[in-house]
Amino acid sequence: MNISRKKSKDTTTLIFEGDLTIYYVAHIKDELFADYEKLADKVALDLAAVGEIDTAGVQLLLFAKKFFASVHRPLFITKSNESVESVLTALDVNTQFAMES
């Protein structure tokens, strides 16, 4: 799993590539929150290149949403894929992540 950052005027997009599963969550968490204070006012997640996601990955996304809200940076999903959307829908948490483009 790799996370890259792309910054625009008021949004930092975090681009996830690889699997978002229990095997990688600890590494992803460190990378996700590294230098969070340098992120833009809004944080977007690009999950289009996520191969597999499990409940540990979903828990991390929910924690990230809560964390970024606590530091006044709204978090939303800008891109996704069928695999991610089906897991978020099955766990009934898809409404937690507003889709913006």
PDB file of N, CA and C in Angstrom:
ATOM      1  N   MET A   1       0.856  -1.176   0.000  1.00  0.00           N
ATOM      2  CA  MET A   1       0.000   0.000   0.000  1.00  0.00           C
ATOM      3  C   MET A   1       0.893   1.226   0.000  1.00  0.00           C
ATOM      4  N   ASN A   2       0.537   2.148  -0.838  1.00  0.00           N
ATOM      5  CA  ASN A   2       1.247   3.412  -0.934  1.00  0.00           C
ATOM      6  C   ASN A   2       0.231   4.544  -0.912  1.00  0.00           C
ATOM      7  N   ILE A   3       0.587   5.632  -0.242  1.00  0.00           N
ATOM      8  CA  ILE A   3      -0.255   6.830  -0.232  1.00  0.00           C
ATOM      9  C   ILE A   3       0.585   7.979  -0.746  1.00  0.00           C
ATOM     10  N   SER A   4       0.110   8.616  -1.798  1.00  0.00           N
ATOM     11  CA  SER A   4       0.778   9.818  -2.288  1.00  0.00           C
ATOM     12  C   SER A   4      -0.153  11.003  -2.061  1.00  0.00           C
ATOM     13  N   ARG A   5       0.440  12.186  -2.057  1.00  0.00           N
ATOM     14  CA  ARG A   5      -0.329  13.401  -1.797  1.00  0.00           C
ATOM     15  C   ARG A   5      -0.243  14.340  -2.985  1.00  0.00           C
ATOM     16  N   LYS A   6      -1.389  14.939  -3.285  1.00  0.00           N
ATOM     17  CA  LYS A   6      -1.473  15.918  -4.356  1.00  0.00           C
ATOM     18  C   LYS A   6      -2.228  17.116  -3.787  1.00  0.00           C
ATOM     19  N   LYS A   7      -1.603  18.280  -3.818  1.00  0.00           N
ATOM     20  CA  LYS A   7      -2.208  19.456  -3.196  1.00  0.00           C
ATOM     21  C   LYS A   7      -2.657  20.447  -4.255  1.00  0.00           C
ATOM     22  N   SER A   8      -3.884  20.919  -4.095  1.00  0.00           N
ATOM     23  CA  SER A   8      -4.398  22.000  -4.926  1.00  0.00           C
ATOM     24  C   SER A   8      -4.626  23.195  -4.020  1.00  0.00           C
ATOM     25  N   LYS A   9      -5.333  24.167  -4.494  1.00  0.00           N
ATOM     26  CA  LYS A   9      -5.510  25.408  -3.740  1.00  0.00           C
ATOM     27  C   LYS A   9      -6.001  25.178  -2.305  1.00  0.00           C
ATOM     28  N   ASP A  10      -7.108  24.482  -2.136  1.00  0.00           N
ATOM     29  CA  ASP A  10      -7.670  24.309  -0.794  1.00  0.00           C
ATOM     30  C   ASP A  10      -7.883  22.855  -0.402  1.00  0.00           C
ATOM     31  N   THR A  11      -7.380  21.909  -1.222  1.00  0.00           N
ATOM     32  CA  THR A  11      -7.609  20.491  -0.968  1.00  0.00           C
ATOM     33  C   THR A  11      -6.321  19.694  -1.144  1.00  0.00           C
ATOM     34  N   THR A  12      -6.076  18.804  -0.201  1.00  0.00           N
ATOM     35  CA  THR A  12      -5.022  17.813  -0.362  1.00  0.00           C
ATOM     36  C   THR A  12      -5.700  16.483  -0.665  1.00  0.00           C
ATOM     37  N   THR A  13      -5.316  15.875  -1.774  1.00  0.00           N
ATOM     38  CA  THR A  13      -5.851  14.565  -2.144  1.00  0.00           C
ATOM     39  C   THR A  13      -4.844  13.503  -1.755  1.00  0.00           C
ATOM     40  N   LEU A  14      -5.308  12.537  -0.984  1.00  0.00           N
ATOM     41  CA  LEU A  14      -4.494  11.393  -0.599  1.00  0.00           C
ATOM     42  C   LEU A  14      -4.865  10.245  -1.526  1.00  0.00           C
ATOM     43  N   ILE A  15      -3.907   9.800  -2.318  1.00  0.00           N
ATOM     44  CA  ILE A  15      -4.150   8.785  -3.333  1.00  0.00           C
ATOM     45  C   ILE A  15      -3.641   7.436  -2.813  1.00  0.00           C
ATOM     46  N   PHE A  16      -4.570   6.527  -2.593  1.00  0.00           N
ATOM     47  CA  PHE A  16      -4.257   5.196  -2.071  1.00  0.00           C
ATOM     48  C   PHE A  16      -4.044   4.239  -3.235  1.00  0.00           C
ATOM     49  N   GLU A  17      -2.973   3.458  -3.179  1.00  0.00           N
ATOM     50  CA  GLU A  17      -2.699   2.445  -4.198  1.00  0.00           C
ATOM     51  C   GLU A  17      -2.321   1.144  -3.500  1.00  0.00           C
ATOM     52  N   GLY A  18      -3.094   0.093  -3.749  1.00  0.00           N
ATOM     53  CA  GLY A  18      -2.822  -1.195  -3.135  1.00  0.00           C
ATOM     54  C   GLY A  18      -3.982  -1.649  -2.279  1.00  0.00           C
ATOM     55  N   ASP A  19      -3.700  -2.566  -1.364  1.00  0.00           N
ATOM     56  CA  ASP A  19      -4.744  -3.126  -0.506  1.00  0.00           C
ATOM     57  C   ASP A  19      -4.854  -2.353   0.795  1.00  0.00           C
ATOM     58  N   LEU A  20      -6.092  -2.110   1.197  1.00  0.00           N
ATOM     59  CA  LEU A  20      -6.394  -1.412   2.443  1.00  0.00           C
ATOM     60  C   LEU A  20      -6.970  -2.458   3.399  1.00  0.00           C
ATOM     61  N   THR A  21      -6.059  -3.312   3.907  1.00  0.00           N
ATOM     62  CA  THR A  21      -6.473  -4.454   4.725  1.00  0.00           C
ATOM     63  C   THR A  21      -5.707  -4.468   6.044  1.00  0.00           C
ATOM     64  N   ILE A  22      -6.101  -5.383   6.901  1.00  0.00           N
ATOM     65  CA  ILE A  22      -5.507  -5.504   8.222  1.00  0.00           C
ATOM     66  C   ILE A  22      -3.989  -5.657   8.169  1.00  0.00           C
ATOM     67  N   TYR A  23      -3.480  -6.237   7.103  1.00  0.00           N
ATOM     68  CA  TYR A  23      -2.038  -6.456   6.976  1.00  0.00           C
ATOM     69  C   TYR A  23      -1.260  -5.155   6.792  1.00  0.00           C
ATOM     70  N   TYR A  24      -1.941  -4.105   6.357  1.00  0.00           N
ATOM     71  CA  TYR A  24      -1.263  -2.847   6.042  1.00  0.00           C
ATOM     72  C   TYR A  24      -1.747  -1.659   6.866  1.00  0.00           C
ATOM     73  N   VAL A  25      -2.753  -1.839   7.701  1.00  0.00           N
ATOM     74  CA  VAL A  25      -3.381  -0.718   8.396  1.00  0.00           C
ATOM     75  C   VAL A  25      -2.395   0.075   9.269  1.00  0.00           C
ATOM     76  N   ALA A  26      -1.524  -0.585   9.994  1.00  0.00           N
ATOM     77  CA  ALA A  26      -0.573   0.136  10.859  1.00  0.00           C
ATOM     78  C   ALA A  26       0.331   1.029  10.022  1.00  0.00           C
ATOM     79  N   HIS A  27       0.845   0.515   8.932  1.00  0.00           N
ATOM     80  CA  HIS A  27       1.700   1.306   8.040  1.00  0.00           C
ATOM     81  C   HIS A  27       0.915   2.455   7.413  1.00  0.00           C
ATOM     82  N   ILE A  28      -0.305   2.151   6.957  1.00  0.00           N
ATOM     83  CA  ILE A  28      -1.143   3.166   6.323  1.00  0.00           C
ATOM     84  C   ILE A  28      -1.469   4.278   7.311  1.00  0.00           C
ATOM     85  N   LYS A  29      -1.781   3.907   8.548  1.00  0.00           N
ATOM     86  CA  LYS A  29      -2.115   4.905   9.563  1.00  0.00           C
ATOM     87  C   LYS A  29      -0.958   5.874   9.759  1.00  0.00           C
ATOM     88  N   ASP A  30       0.253   5.360   9.880  1.00  0.00           N
ATOM     89  CA  ASP A  30       1.423   6.234  10.044  1.00  0.00           C
ATOM     90  C   ASP A  30       1.570   7.185   8.862  1.00  0.00           C
ATOM     91  N   GLU A  31       1.406   6.648   7.664  1.00  0.00           N
ATOM     92  CA  GLU A  31       1.552   7.454   6.455  1.00  0.00           C
ATOM     93  C   GLU A  31       0.411   8.466   6.310  1.00  0.00           C
ATOM     94  N   LEU A  32      -0.784   8.047   6.669  1.00  0.00           N
ATOM     95  CA  LEU A  32      -1.972   8.884   6.533  1.00  0.00           C
ATOM     96  C   LEU A  32      -1.909  10.128   7.409  1.00  0.00           C
ATOM     97  N   PHE A  33      -1.397   9.970   8.617  1.00  0.00           N
ATOM     98  CA  PHE A  33      -1.398  11.090   9.559  1.00  0.00           C
ATOM     99  C   PHE A  33      -0.056  11.812   9.656  1.00  0.00           C
ATOM    100  N   ALA A  34       0.930  11.387   8.882  1.00  0.00           N
ATOM    101  CA  ALA A  34       2.234  12.055   8.899  1.00  0.00           C
ATOM    102  C   ALA A  34       2.068  13.492   8.398  1.00  0.00           C
ATOM    103  N   ASP A  35       2.558  14.426   9.183  1.00  0.00           N
ATOM    104  CA  ASP A  35       2.518  15.845   8.807  1.00  0.00           C
ATOM    105  C   ASP A  35       1.112  16.321   8.457  1.00  0.00           C
ATOM    106  N   TYR A  36       0.100  15.828   9.152  1.00  0.00           N
ATOM    107  CA  TYR A  36      -1.278  16.194   8.834  1.00  0.00           C
ATOM    108  C   TYR A  36      -1.503  17.698   8.919  1.00  0.00           C
ATOM    109  N   GLU A  37      -0.728  18.385   9.762  1.00  0.00           N
ATOM    110  CA  GLU A  37      -0.920  19.829   9.904  1.00  0.00           C
ATOM    111  C   GLU A  37      -0.508  20.594   8.648  1.00  0.00           C
ATOM    112  N   LYS A  38       0.206  19.957   7.744  1.00  0.00           N
ATOM    113  CA  LYS A  38       0.610  20.595   6.490  1.00  0.00           C
ATOM    114  C   LYS A  38      -0.415  20.383   5.372  1.00  0.00           C
ATOM    115  N   LEU A  39      -1.469  19.634   5.659  1.00  0.00           N
ATOM    116  CA  LEU A  39      -2.493  19.390   4.653  1.00  0.00           C
ATOM    117  C   LEU A  39      -3.326  20.645   4.430  1.00  0.00           C
ATOM    118  N   ALA A  40      -3.994  20.708   3.290  1.00  0.00           N
ATOM    119  CA  ALA A  40      -4.866  21.835   2.970  1.00  0.00           C
ATOM    120  C   ALA A  40      -6.113  21.808   3.851  1.00  0.00           C
ATOM    121  N   ASP A  41      -6.986  22.784   3.654  1.00  0.00           N
ATOM    122  CA  ASP A  41      -8.199  22.910   4.458  1.00  0.00           C
ATOM    123  C   ASP A  41      -9.159  21.731   4.306  1.00  0.00           C
ATOM    124  N   LYS A  42      -9.155  21.085   3.143  1.00  0.00           N
ATOM    125  CA  LYS A  42      -9.995  19.916   2.894  1.00  0.00           C
ATOM    126  C   LYS A  42      -9.093  18.739   2.556  1.00  0.00           C
ATOM    127  N   VAL A  43      -9.544  17.535   2.935  1.00  0.00           N
ATOM    128  CA  VAL A  43      -8.785  16.325   2.652  1.00  0.00           C
ATOM    129  C   VAL A  43      -9.669  15.393   1.824  1.00  0.00           C
ATOM    130  N   ALA A  44      -9.185  15.050   0.640  1.00  0.00           N
ATOM    131  CA  ALA A  44      -9.905  14.156  -0.258  1.00  0.00           C
ATOM    132  C   ALA A  44      -9.194  12.810  -0.318  1.00  0.00           C
ATOM    133  N   LEU A  45      -9.973  11.752  -0.410  1.00  0.00           N
ATOM    134  CA  LEU A  45      -9.418  10.411  -0.551  1.00  0.00           C
ATOM    135  C   LEU A  45      -9.704   9.901  -1.960  1.00  0.00           C
ATOM    136  N   ASP A  46      -8.665   9.499  -2.641  1.00  0.00           N
ATOM    137  CA  ASP A  46      -8.798   8.871  -3.951  1.00  0.00           C
ATOM    138  C   ASP A  46      -8.558   7.378  -3.728  1.00  0.00           C
ATOM    139  N   LEU A  47      -9.632   6.606  -3.749  1.00  0.00           N
ATOM    140  CA  LEU A  47      -9.565   5.175  -3.477  1.00  0.00           C
ATOM    141  C   LEU A  47      -9.737   4.340  -4.743  1.00  0.00           C
ATOM    142  N   ALA A  48      -9.607   4.962  -5.897  1.00  0.00           N
ATOM    143  CA  ALA A  48      -9.837   4.267  -7.165  1.00  0.00           C
ATOM    144  C   ALA A  48      -8.860   3.120  -7.381  1.00  0.00           C
ATOM    145  N   ALA A  49      -7.641   3.227  -6.850  1.00  0.00           N
ATOM    146  CA  ALA A  49      -6.621   2.193  -7.066  1.00  0.00           C
ATOM    147  C   ALA A  49      -6.488   1.229  -5.891  1.00  0.00           C
ATOM    148  N   VAL A  50      -7.481   1.210  -5.005  1.00  0.00           N
ATOM    149  CA  VAL A  50      -7.470   0.249  -3.898  1.00  0.00           C
ATOM    150  C   VAL A  50      -7.919  -1.094  -4.455  1.00  0.00           C
ATOM    151  N   GLY A  51      -7.081  -2.107  -4.260  1.00  0.00           N
ATOM    152  CA  GLY A  51      -7.409  -3.436  -4.771  1.00  0.00           C
ATOM    153  C   GLY A  51      -8.396  -4.168  -3.895  1.00  0.00           C
ATOM    154  N   GLU A  52      -8.130  -4.181  -2.596  1.00  0.00           N
ATOM    155  CA  GLU A  52      -8.975  -4.901  -1.642  1.00  0.00           C
ATOM    156  C   GLU A  52      -9.101  -4.046  -0.390  1.00  0.00           C
ATOM    157  N   ILE A  53     -10.279  -4.073   0.222  1.00  0.00           N
ATOM    158  CA  ILE A  53     -10.505  -3.375   1.481  1.00  0.00           C
ATOM    159  C   ILE A  53     -11.268  -4.325   2.395  1.00  0.00           C
ATOM    160  N   ASP A  54     -10.898  -4.336   3.683  1.00  0.00           N
ATOM    161  CA  ASP A  54     -11.607  -5.167   4.656  1.00  0.00           C
ATOM    162  C   ASP A  54     -12.095  -4.269   5.791  1.00  0.00           C
ATOM    163  N   THR A  55     -12.640  -4.884   6.831  1.00  0.00           N
ATOM    164  CA  THR A  55     -13.209  -4.084   7.927  1.00  0.00           C
ATOM    165  C   THR A  55     -12.148  -3.260   8.654  1.00  0.00           C
ATOM    166  N   ALA A  56     -10.924  -3.738   8.722  1.00  0.00           N
ATOM    167  CA  ALA A  56      -9.852  -2.952   9.346  1.00  0.00           C
ATOM    168  C   ALA A  56      -9.590  -1.694   8.525  1.00  0.00           C
ATOM    169  N   GLY A  57      -9.625  -1.809   7.210  1.00  0.00           N
ATOM    170  CA  GLY A  57      -9.456  -0.651   6.339  1.00  0.00           C
ATOM    171  C   GLY A  57     -10.593   0.337   6.507  1.00  0.00           C
ATOM    172  N   VAL A  58     -11.808  -0.173   6.617  1.00  0.00           N
ATOM    173  CA  VAL A  58     -12.971   0.697   6.823  1.00  0.00           C
ATOM    174  C   VAL A  58     -12.864   1.396   8.172  1.00  0.00           C
ATOM    175  N   GLN A  59     -12.447   0.676   9.203  1.00  0.00           N
ATOM    176  CA  GLN A  59     -12.270   1.298  10.522  1.00  0.00           C
ATOM    177  C   GLN A  59     -11.252   2.430  10.459  1.00  0.00           C
ATOM    178  N   LEU A  60     -10.184   2.231   9.718  1.00  0.00           N
ATOM    179  CA  LEU A  60      -9.179   3.283   9.571  1.00  0.00           C
ATOM    180  C   LEU A  60      -9.771   4.502   8.871  1.00  0.00           C
ATOM    181  N   LEU A  61     -10.571   4.279   7.838  1.00  0.00           N
ATOM    182  CA  LEU A  61     -11.207   5.403   7.148  1.00  0.00           C
ATOM    183  C   LEU A  61     -12.153   6.161   8.074  1.00  0.00           C
ATOM    184  N   LEU A  62     -12.920   5.431   8.885  1.00  0.00           N
ATOM    185  CA  LEU A  62     -13.829   6.077   9.839  1.00  0.00           C
ATOM    186  C   LEU A  62     -13.053   6.854  10.900  1.00  0.00           C
ATOM    187  N   PHE A  63     -11.950   6.287  11.373  1.00  0.00           N
ATOM    188  CA  PHE A  63     -11.103   6.993  12.332  1.00  0.00           C
ATOM    189  C   PHE A  63     -10.520   8.251  11.701  1.00  0.00           C
ATOM    190  N   ALA A  64     -10.079   8.151  10.455  1.00  0.00           N
ATOM    191  CA  ALA A  64      -9.514   9.316   9.762  1.00  0.00           C
ATOM    192  C   ALA A  64     -10.556  10.415   9.624  1.00  0.00           C
ATOM    193  N   LYS A  65     -11.778  10.044   9.290  1.00  0.00           N
ATOM    194  CA  LYS A  65     -12.847  11.044   9.164  1.00  0.00           C
ATOM    195  C   LYS A  65     -13.049  11.773  10.483  1.00  0.00           C
ATOM    196  N   LYS A  66     -13.101  11.021  11.572  1.00  0.00           N
ATOM    197  CA  LYS A  66     -13.294  11.628  12.895  1.00  0.00           C
ATOM    198  C   LYS A  66     -12.093  12.496  13.273  1.00  0.00           C
ATOM    199  N   PHE A  67     -10.891  12.000  13.025  1.00  0.00           N
ATOM    200  CA  PHE A  67      -9.685  12.749  13.361  1.00  0.00           C
ATOM    201  C   PHE A  67      -9.619  14.066  12.590  1.00  0.00           C
ATOM    202  N   PHE A  68      -9.798  14.001  11.268  1.00  0.00           N
ATOM    203  CA  PHE A  68      -9.693  15.221  10.474  1.00  0.00           C
ATOM    204  C   PHE A  68     -10.802  16.210  10.821  1.00  0.00           C
ATOM    205  N   ALA A  69     -11.979  15.733  11.203  1.00  0.00           N
ATOM    206  CA  ALA A  69     -13.039  16.637  11.668  1.00  0.00           C
ATOM    207  C   ALA A  69     -12.605  17.350  12.947  1.00  0.00           C
ATOM    208  N   SER A  70     -11.874  16.649  13.813  1.00  0.00           N
ATOM    209  CA  SER A  70     -11.441  17.254  15.078  1.00  0.00           C
ATOM    210  C   SER A  70     -10.386  18.345  14.869  1.00  0.00           C
ATOM    211  N   VAL A  71      -9.706  18.313  13.725  1.00  0.00           N
ATOM    212  CA  VAL A  71      -8.724  19.358  13.419  1.00  0.00           C
ATOM    213  C   VAL A  71      -9.263  20.286  12.324  1.00  0.00           C
ATOM    214  N   HIS A  72     -10.584  20.266  12.159  1.00  0.00           N
ATOM    215  CA  HIS A  72     -11.301  21.187  11.263  1.00  0.00           C
ATOM    216  C   HIS A  72     -10.878  21.068   9.805  1.00  0.00           C
ATOM    217  N   ARG A  73     -10.711  19.832   9.365  1.00  0.00           N
ATOM    218  CA  ARG A  73     -10.418  19.553   7.960  1.00  0.00           C
ATOM    219  C   ARG A  73     -11.398  18.486   7.482  1.00  0.00           C
ATOM    220  N   PRO A  74     -12.440  18.891   6.767  1.00  0.00           N
ATOM    221  CA  PRO A  74     -13.402  17.879   6.298  1.00  0.00           C
ATOM    222  C   PRO A  74     -12.740  16.862   5.380  1.00  0.00           C
ATOM    223  N   LEU A  75     -13.149  15.619   5.535  1.00  0.00           N
ATOM    224  CA  LEU A  75     -12.607  14.520   4.744  1.00  0.00           C
ATOM    225  C   LEU A  75     -13.726  13.943   3.887  1.00  0.00           C
ATOM    226  N   PHE A  76     -13.445  13.739   2.618  1.00  0.00           N
ATOM    227  CA  PHE A  76     -14.435  13.164   1.726  1.00  0.00           C
ATOM    228  C   PHE A  76     -13.738  12.285   0.693  1.00  0.00           C
ATOM    229  N   ILE A  77     -14.521  11.428   0.060  1.00  0.00           N
ATOM    230  CA  ILE A  77     -14.005  10.562  -0.994  1.00  0.00           C
ATOM    231  C   ILE A  77     -14.250  11.252  -2.328  1.00  0.00           C
ATOM    232  N   THR A  78     -13.203  11.375  -3.105  1.00  0.00           N
ATOM    233  CA  THR A  78     -13.333  11.994  -4.420  1.00  0.00           C
ATOM    234  C   THR A  78     -13.416  10.957  -5.535  1.00  0.00           C
ATOM    235  N   LYS A  79     -12.726   9.817  -5.359  1.00  0.00           N
ATOM    236  CA  LYS A  79     -12.777   8.729  -6.338  1.00  0.00           C
ATOM    237  C   LYS A  79     -12.812   7.409  -5.582  1.00  0.00           C
ATOM    238  N   SER A  80     -13.505   6.455  -6.170  1.00  0.00           N
ATOM    239  CA  SER A  80     -13.628   5.144  -5.547  1.00  0.00           C
ATOM    240  C   SER A  80     -13.673   4.095  -6.653  1.00  0.00           C
ATOM    241  N   ASN A  81     -13.951   2.880  -6.264  1.00  0.00           N
ATOM    242  CA  ASN A  81     -14.150   1.819  -7.258  1.00  0.00           C
ATOM    243  C   ASN A  81     -15.241   0.880  -6.743  1.00  0.00           C
ATOM    244  N   GLU A  82     -15.636  -0.050  -7.567  1.00  0.00           N
ATOM    245  CA  GLU A  82     -16.746  -0.941  -7.222  1.00  0.00           C
ATOM    246  C   GLU A  82     -16.456  -1.772  -5.971  1.00  0.00           C
ATOM    247  N   SER A  83     -15.233  -2.223  -5.822  1.00  0.00           N
ATOM    248  CA  SER A  83     -14.859  -3.038  -4.666  1.00  0.00           C
ATOM    249  C   SER A  83     -15.009  -2.254  -3.364  1.00  0.00           C
ATOM    250  N   VAL A  84     -14.484  -1.051  -3.339  1.00  0.00           N
ATOM    251  CA  VAL A  84     -14.572  -0.204  -2.138  1.00  0.00           C
ATOM    252  C   VAL A  84     -16.025   0.152  -1.853  1.00  0.00           C
ATOM    253  N   GLU A  85     -16.736   0.573  -2.879  1.00  0.00           N
ATOM    254  CA  GLU A  85     -18.131   0.975  -2.689  1.00  0.00           C
ATOM    255  C   GLU A  85     -18.992  -0.174  -2.175  1.00  0.00           C
ATOM    256  N   SER A  86     -18.754  -1.384  -2.660  1.00  0.00           N
ATOM    257  CA  SER A  86     -19.568  -2.513  -2.210  1.00  0.00           C
ATOM    258  C   SER A  86     -19.317  -2.829  -0.737  1.00  0.00           C
ATOM    259  N   VAL A  87     -18.077  -2.718  -0.280  1.00  0.00           N
ATOM    260  CA  VAL A  87     -17.774  -2.970   1.132  1.00  0.00           C
ATOM    261  C   VAL A  87     -18.374  -1.870   2.006  1.00  0.00           C
ATOM    262  N   LEU A  88     -18.215  -0.612   1.606  1.00  0.00           N
ATOM    263  CA  LEU A  88     -18.785   0.493   2.387  1.00  0.00           C
ATOM    264  C   LEU A  88     -20.302   0.381   2.460  1.00  0.00           C
ATOM    265  N   THR A  89     -20.925  -0.027   1.368  1.00  0.00           N
ATOM    266  CA  THR A  89     -22.381  -0.197   1.342  1.00  0.00           C
ATOM    267  C   THR A  89     -22.807  -1.386   2.200  1.00  0.00           C
ATOM    268  N   ALA A  90     -22.088  -2.497   2.097  1.00  0.00           N
ATOM    269  CA  ALA A  90     -22.432  -3.694   2.880  1.00  0.00           C
ATOM    270  C   ALA A  90     -22.343  -3.427   4.376  1.00  0.00           C
ATOM    271  N   LEU A  91     -21.391  -2.589   4.771  1.00  0.00           N
ATOM    272  CA  LEU A  91     -21.228  -2.257   6.189  1.00  0.00           C
ATOM    273  C   LEU A  91     -22.062  -1.046   6.596  1.00  0.00           C
ATOM    274  N   ASP A  92     -22.818  -0.502   5.640  1.00  0.00           N
ATOM    275  CA  ASP A  92     -23.721   0.627   5.867  1.00  0.00           C
ATOM    276  C   ASP A  92     -22.987   1.868   6.399  1.00  0.00           C
ATOM    277  N   VAL A  93     -21.805   2.122   5.858  1.00  0.00           N
ATOM    278  CA  VAL A  93     -21.054   3.323   6.253  1.00  0.00           C
ATOM    279  C   VAL A  93     -20.794   4.238   5.058  1.00  0.00           C
ATOM    280  N   ASN A  94     -21.344   3.891   3.911  1.00  0.00           N
ATOM    281  CA  ASN A  94     -21.112   4.695   2.716  1.00  0.00           C
ATOM    282  C   ASN A  94     -21.608   6.131   2.869  1.00  0.00           C
ATOM    283  N   THR A  95     -22.639   6.336   3.667  1.00  0.00           N
ATOM    284  CA  THR A  95     -23.149   7.698   3.852  1.00  0.00           C
ATOM    285  C   THR A  95     -22.233   8.544   4.752  1.00  0.00           C
ATOM    286  N   GLN A  96     -21.289   7.917   5.419  1.00  0.00           N
ATOM    287  CA  GLN A  96     -20.347   8.646   6.266  1.00  0.00           C
ATOM    288  C   GLN A  96     -19.348   9.455   5.424  1.00  0.00           C
ATOM    289  N   PHE A  97     -19.201   9.080   4.172  1.00  0.00           N
ATOM    290  CA  PHE A  97     -18.201   9.695   3.309  1.00  0.00           C
ATOM    291  C   PHE A  97     -18.887  10.363   2.115  1.00  0.00           C
ATOM    292  N   ALA A  98     -19.075  11.653   2.214  1.00  0.00           N
ATOM    293  CA  ALA A  98     -19.663  12.394   1.105  1.00  0.00           C
ATOM    294  C   ALA A  98     -18.758  12.273  -0.108  1.00  0.00           C
ATOM    295  N   MET A  99     -19.364  12.016  -1.250  1.00  0.00           N
ATOM    296  CA  MET A  99     -18.607  11.938  -2.513  1.00  0.00           C
ATOM    297  C   MET A  99     -18.595  13.315  -3.148  1.00  0.00           C
ATOM    298  N   GLU A 100     -17.419  13.832  -3.375  1.00  0.00           N
ATOM    299  CA  GLU A 100     -17.262  15.111  -4.074  1.00  0.00           C
ATOM    300  C   GLU A 100     -16.283  14.916  -5.211  1.00  0.00           C
ATOM    301  N   SER A 101     -16.334  15.805  -6.157  1.00  0.00           N
ATOM    302  CA  SER A 101     -15.381  15.727  -7.262  1.00  0.00           C
ATOM    303  C   SER A 101     -14.680  17.035  -7.464  1.00  0.00           C
TER     304      SER A 101
END
